[in-house]
Amino acid sequence: MAFEVRIEGDARVVVSGELDMATSPELTSAIEALAKTGEPRVLVDLSDVSFIDSTGISALVLAMAKVEVHGAVLVLGRVSRQVDTALSMVGLESEFVRDVSSS
């Protein structure tokens, strides 16, 4: 599966494919671009992420910090089982705001 980051609507980033060292900068850039628009929250849909490594997780943490600098909040929408497992393995599952309506 090819990697893709799309911005949908005003403040929604949809990611599909493998989120790793080669692709994570694209995610961080998309999230930061939305945060700069003044949106109060940026929703990230990771339901189609087939693989995530430590650099992908780091990209999410970095993006969360960049969003907060702009006075917004990073919200995780739907996440794939791979993302959920990886966040749990490193103890970050509760560090992200989750959108319960996306579950």
C-alpha atoms as a PDB file:
ATOM      1  CA  MET A   1       0.000   0.000   0.000  1.00  0.00           C
ATOM      2  CA  ALA A   2       1.373   3.389  -0.990  1.00  0.00           C
ATOM      3  CA  PHE A   3       1.708   6.058   1.663  1.00  0.00           C
ATOM      4  CA  GLU A   4      -0.700   8.969   1.463  1.00  0.00           C
ATOM      5  CA  VAL A   5      -1.496  11.983   3.621  1.00  0.00           C
ATOM      6  CA  ARG A   6      -4.566  13.995   2.644  1.00  0.00           C
ATOM      7  CA  ILE A   7      -6.097  17.018   4.228  1.00  0.00           C
ATOM      8  CA  GLU A   8      -9.880  16.796   4.232  1.00  0.00           C
ATOM      9  CA  GLY A   9     -12.170  19.614   5.216  1.00  0.00           C
ATOM     10  CA  ASP A  10     -10.917  22.301   7.519  1.00  0.00           C
ATOM     11  CA  ALA A  11      -8.842  20.340  10.009  1.00  0.00           C
ATOM     12  CA  ARG A  12      -8.712  16.632   9.229  1.00  0.00           C
ATOM     13  CA  VAL A  13      -5.632  14.691   8.167  1.00  0.00           C
ATOM     14  CA  VAL A  14      -6.141  11.180   6.794  1.00  0.00           C
ATOM     15  CA  VAL A  15      -3.126   8.879   6.648  1.00  0.00           C
ATOM     16  CA  SER A  16      -2.842   5.552   4.852  1.00  0.00           C
ATOM     17  CA  GLY A  17       0.042   3.151   4.311  1.00  0.00           C
ATOM     18  CA  GLU A  18       3.262   2.794   6.266  1.00  0.00           C
ATOM     19  CA  LEU A  19       4.174   5.554   8.716  1.00  0.00           C
ATOM     20  CA  ASP A  20       7.935   5.303   9.139  1.00  0.00           C
ATOM     21  CA  MET A  21      11.182   7.257   8.823  1.00  0.00           C
ATOM     22  CA  ALA A  22      10.643   7.912   5.118  1.00  0.00           C
ATOM     23  CA  THR A  23       7.047   9.105   5.416  1.00  0.00           C
ATOM     24  CA  SER A  24       6.659  10.694   8.847  1.00  0.00           C
ATOM     25  CA  PRO A  25       7.919  14.164   7.792  1.00  0.00           C
ATOM     26  CA  GLU A  26       4.976  14.424   5.389  1.00  0.00           C
ATOM     27  CA  LEU A  27       2.551  13.776   8.242  1.00  0.00           C
ATOM     28  CA  THR A  28       4.219  16.304  10.532  1.00  0.00           C
ATOM     29  CA  SER A  29       4.158  18.953   7.789  1.00  0.00           C
ATOM     30  CA  ALA A  30       0.457  18.420   7.034  1.00  0.00           C
ATOM     31  CA  ILE A  31      -0.517  18.613  10.694  1.00  0.00           C
ATOM     32  CA  GLU A  32       1.583  21.715  11.312  1.00  0.00           C
ATOM     33  CA  ALA A  33       0.127  23.427   8.224  1.00  0.00           C
ATOM     34  CA  LEU A  34      -3.387  22.894   9.582  1.00  0.00           C
ATOM     35  CA  ALA A  35      -2.406  24.102  13.042  1.00  0.00           C
ATOM     36  CA  LYS A  36      -1.150  27.365  11.536  1.00  0.00           C
ATOM     37  CA  THR A  37      -4.605  28.079  10.075  1.00  0.00           C
ATOM     38  CA  GLY A  38      -5.993  28.836  13.525  1.00  0.00           C
ATOM     39  CA  GLU A  39      -8.198  25.754  13.771  1.00  0.00           C
ATOM     40  CA  PRO A  40      -8.810  24.874  17.433  1.00  0.00           C
ATOM     41  CA  ARG A  41      -8.186  21.180  16.798  1.00  0.00           C
ATOM     42  CA  VAL A  42      -6.562  18.991  14.180  1.00  0.00           C
ATOM     43  CA  LEU A  43      -8.097  15.528  13.783  1.00  0.00           C
ATOM     44  CA  VAL A  44      -5.803  12.762  12.533  1.00  0.00           C
ATOM     45  CA  ASP A  45      -7.380   9.605  11.094  1.00  0.00           C
ATOM     46  CA  LEU A  46      -4.907   6.708  11.223  1.00  0.00           C
ATOM     47  CA  SER A  47      -7.378   3.918  10.505  1.00  0.00           C
ATOM     48  CA  ASP A  48      -5.654   2.959   7.220  1.00  0.00           C
ATOM     49  CA  VAL A  49      -2.097   2.924   8.588  1.00  0.00           C
ATOM     50  CA  SER A  50      -0.751  -0.572   7.915  1.00  0.00           C
ATOM     51  CA  PHE A  51       2.555  -0.124   9.773  1.00  0.00           C
ATOM     52  CA  ILE A  52       4.018   2.370  12.224  1.00  0.00           C
ATOM     53  CA  ASP A  53       7.516   2.389  13.690  1.00  0.00           C
ATOM     54  CA  SER A  54       9.205   4.491  16.345  1.00  0.00           C
ATOM     55  CA  THR A  55       9.759   7.392  13.943  1.00  0.00           C
ATOM     56  CA  GLY A  56       6.061   7.389  13.105  1.00  0.00           C
ATOM     57  CA  ILE A  57       5.211   7.546  16.790  1.00  0.00           C
ATOM     58  CA  SER A  58       7.803  10.297  17.264  1.00  0.00           C
ATOM     59  CA  ALA A  59       6.184  12.209  14.391  1.00  0.00           C
ATOM     60  CA  LEU A  60       2.834  12.080  16.182  1.00  0.00           C
ATOM     61  CA  VAL A  61       4.390  13.332  19.433  1.00  0.00           C
ATOM     62  CA  LEU A  62       6.236  16.106  17.578  1.00  0.00           C
ATOM     63  CA  ALA A  63       3.055  17.068  15.709  1.00  0.00           C
ATOM     64  CA  MET A  64       1.138  17.218  18.999  1.00  0.00           C
ATOM     65  CA  ALA A  65       3.731  19.648  20.384  1.00  0.00           C
ATOM     66  CA  LYS A  66       3.682  21.802  17.242  1.00  0.00           C
ATOM     67  CA  VAL A  67      -0.114  21.973  17.285  1.00  0.00           C
ATOM     68  CA  GLU A  68      -0.085  23.052  20.937  1.00  0.00           C
ATOM     69  CA  VAL A  69       2.361  25.879  20.112  1.00  0.00           C
ATOM     70  CA  HIS A  70      -0.331  27.250  17.790  1.00  0.00           C
ATOM     71  CA  GLY A  71      -2.990  27.032  20.513  1.00  0.00           C
ATOM     72  CA  ALA A  72      -4.724  23.984  19.089  1.00  0.00           C
ATOM     73  CA  VAL A  73      -5.065  20.372  20.132  1.00  0.00           C
ATOM     74  CA  LEU A  74      -4.136  17.240  18.180  1.00  0.00           C
ATOM     75  CA  VAL A  75      -6.970  14.719  18.277  1.00  0.00           C
ATOM     76  CA  LEU A  76      -6.632  11.119  17.168  1.00  0.00           C
ATOM     77  CA  GLY A  77      -9.662   9.910  15.293  1.00  0.00           C
ATOM     78  CA  ARG A  78      -9.868   6.325  14.210  1.00  0.00           C
ATOM     79  CA  VAL A  79      -6.635   4.353  14.466  1.00  0.00           C
ATOM     80  CA  SER A  80      -5.650   0.996  13.024  1.00  0.00           C
ATOM     81  CA  ARG A  81      -4.875  -1.929  15.280  1.00  0.00           C
ATOM     82  CA  GLN A  82      -1.189  -1.508  14.411  1.00  0.00           C
ATOM     83  CA  VAL A  83      -1.188   2.119  15.627  1.00  0.00           C
ATOM     84  CA  ASP A  84      -3.153   1.288  18.756  1.00  0.00           C
ATOM     85  CA  THR A  85      -0.784  -1.561  19.610  1.00  0.00           C
ATOM     86  CA  ALA A  86       2.329   0.556  19.002  1.00  0.00           C
ATOM     87  CA  LEU A  87       1.037   3.427  21.168  1.00  0.00           C
ATOM     88  CA  SER A  88       0.204   0.949  23.939  1.00  0.00           C
ATOM     89  CA  MET A  89       3.614  -0.720  23.713  1.00  0.00           C
ATOM     90  CA  VAL A  90       5.409   2.571  24.346  1.00  0.00           C
ATOM     91  CA  GLY A  91       2.944   3.794  26.965  1.00  0.00           C
ATOM     92  CA  LEU A  92       1.537   6.687  24.943  1.00  0.00           C
ATOM     93  CA  GLU A  93      -2.031   5.488  24.446  1.00  0.00           C
ATOM     94  CA  SER A  94      -3.378   7.932  27.028  1.00  0.00           C
ATOM     95  CA  GLU A  95      -1.193  10.893  25.973  1.00  0.00           C
ATOM     96  CA  PHE A  96      -3.328  11.692  22.946  1.00  0.00           C
ATOM     97  CA  VAL A  97      -6.805  13.173  22.967  1.00  0.00           C
ATOM     98  CA  ARG A  98      -9.139  10.684  21.272  1.00  0.00           C
ATOM     99  CA  ASP A  99     -12.250  11.567  19.282  1.00  0.00           C
ATOM    100  CA  VAL A 100     -14.826   9.161  20.689  1.00  0.00           C
ATOM    101  CA  SER A 101     -17.243   9.876  17.831  1.00  0.00           C
ATOM    102  CA  SER A 102     -14.714   8.333  15.412  1.00  0.00           C
ATOM    103  CA  SER A 103     -14.498   4.991  17.197  1.00  0.00           C
END
